[in-house]
Protein backbone atom coordinates (compact mmCIF):
# COMPACT_ATOMS: atom_id res chain seq x y z
CA MET A 1 0.18 0.17 0.43
CA ALA A 2 1.48 3.17 -1.33
CA VAL A 3 1.58 6.20 1.22
CA PRO A 4 0.34 9.39 -1.07
CA LEU A 5 2.32 12.40 -1.72
CA GLY A 6 -0.09 14.65 0.23
CA ASP A 7 0.60 13.25 3.26
CA TYR A 8 4.58 13.46 2.75
CA ILE A 9 3.80 17.10 2.15
CA ALA A 10 1.67 17.42 5.18
CA LEU A 11 4.32 15.81 7.59
CA ALA A 12 6.89 17.79 6.19
CA SER A 13 5.10 20.92 6.36
CA VAL A 14 4.57 20.11 10.67
CA MET A 15 7.60 19.34 10.89
CA PHE A 16 9.21 22.77 9.14
CA PHE A 17 7.04 24.73 11.15
CA ILE A 18 7.97 22.74 14.85
CA GLY A 19 11.22 23.76 13.68
CA VAL A 20 10.64 27.49 12.93
CA ILE A 21 8.95 27.53 16.18
CA GLY A 22 11.37 26.40 18.20
CA VAL A 23 13.80 28.94 16.74
CA ILE A 24 11.92 31.97 16.81
CA VAL A 25 10.20 31.01 20.87
CA ARG A 26 14.12 29.16 22.35
CA ARG A 27 16.85 31.41 23.58
CA ASN A 28 19.06 28.27 24.03
CA PRO A 29 21.43 28.14 21.21
CA LEU A 30 22.01 24.20 20.99
CA ILE A 31 17.52 23.90 20.80
CA MET A 32 17.89 26.55 17.98
CA LEU A 33 20.35 24.29 16.00
CA MET A 34 18.37 21.29 17.18
CA SER A 35 15.13 23.28 15.17
CA ILE A 36 17.68 24.06 12.22
CA GLU A 37 18.42 20.73 11.97
CA LEU A 38 14.57 19.98 12.09
CA MET A 39 14.04 22.12 9.21
CA PHE A 40 16.74 20.43 6.98
CA ASN A 41 14.70 17.25 7.57
CA ALA A 42 12.08 18.35 6.38
CA ALA A 43 13.00 19.42 3.35
CA ASN A 44 15.00 16.01 2.54
CA LEU A 45 11.49 14.41 3.30
CA LEU A 46 10.05 16.42 0.51
CA PHE A 47 12.64 15.69 -1.59
CA ILE A 48 12.80 12.23 -1.02
CA ALA A 49 8.75 12.36 -1.65
CA PHE A 50 9.08 14.13 -4.75
CA ALA A 51 11.70 11.97 -5.83
CA ARG A 52 9.54 8.70 -5.65
CA ALA A 53 6.77 10.01 -6.63
CA TRP A 54 8.69 11.30 -10.42
CA LEU A 55 10.72 8.42 -10.38
CA GLN A 56 13.78 10.66 -10.65
CA ASN A 57 16.38 10.20 -8.92
CA ALA A 58 17.72 14.30 -8.43
CA GLY A 59 15.66 14.63 -5.26
CA GLN A 60 17.63 12.01 -4.14
CA ILE A 61 20.59 14.00 -4.84
CA PHE A 62 19.42 16.86 -3.34
CA ALA A 63 18.87 15.73 0.16
CA PHE A 64 22.19 13.70 -0.07
CA LEU A 65 23.63 17.24 -0.57
CA VAL A 66 21.62 18.75 1.94
CA ILE A 67 22.36 15.91 4.74
CA THR A 68 26.33 16.85 3.88
CA VAL A 69 25.50 20.87 4.47
CA ALA A 70 23.28 20.07 8.02
CA ALA A 71 26.34 17.94 9.10
CA ALA A 72 29.17 20.64 8.26
CA GLU A 73 26.77 23.54 9.57
CA ALA A 74 25.98 21.26 12.89
CA ALA A 75 29.48 20.94 13.41
CA ILE A 76 30.59 24.41 12.60
CA GLY A 77 27.68 25.83 14.94
CA LEU A 78 28.34 23.56 17.96
CA ALA A 79 32.52 25.00 17.96
CA ILE A 80 31.25 28.12 17.51
CA ILE A 81 28.88 28.11 20.37
CA VAL A 82 31.34 25.40 23.17
CA THR A 83 33.88 28.39 22.32
CA THR A 84 31.63 31.66 22.54
CA PHE A 85 29.75 30.22 25.87
CA ARG A 86 32.42 28.50 27.46
CA PRO A 87 32.68 30.26 30.84
CA ALA A 88 28.98 30.77 30.81
CA LYS A 89 26.85 28.33 33.53
CA TYR A 90 23.86 29.48 31.41
CA VAL A 91 23.61 29.47 27.71
CA ASP A 92 21.42 32.44 26.45
CA VAL A 93 21.23 33.66 22.73
CA ASP A 94 20.76 36.88 24.11
CA ASP A 95 24.05 37.21 25.88
CA VAL A 96 25.95 37.12 22.81
CA ARG A 97 25.26 40.99 22.50
CA THR A 98 27.17 41.47 25.47
CA LEU A 99 30.39 40.06 23.94
CA HIS A 100 31.24 42.86 21.60
CA GLY A 101 34.30 44.78 22.58
């Protein structure tokens, strides 16, 4: 039994908007990075769903590229967060404003 394309679109939309809400509402940079990753995964789900529906491999290639970029973004973002907030006990993205010289 095949899952209709509309179900994939609905699931990806819900995932994407949960990620958007997570970026807007939360102030913890790690939670914000996880929300951005959730938005990337929603885009990947759509790429794969459309590639499956149209029987082309371009969507799978784009999804692989997005996964690669997301891994690099997570590694670099986590490194920046760790070096920026190393001495702090509590982490808030609004505290970055106080770091300018």
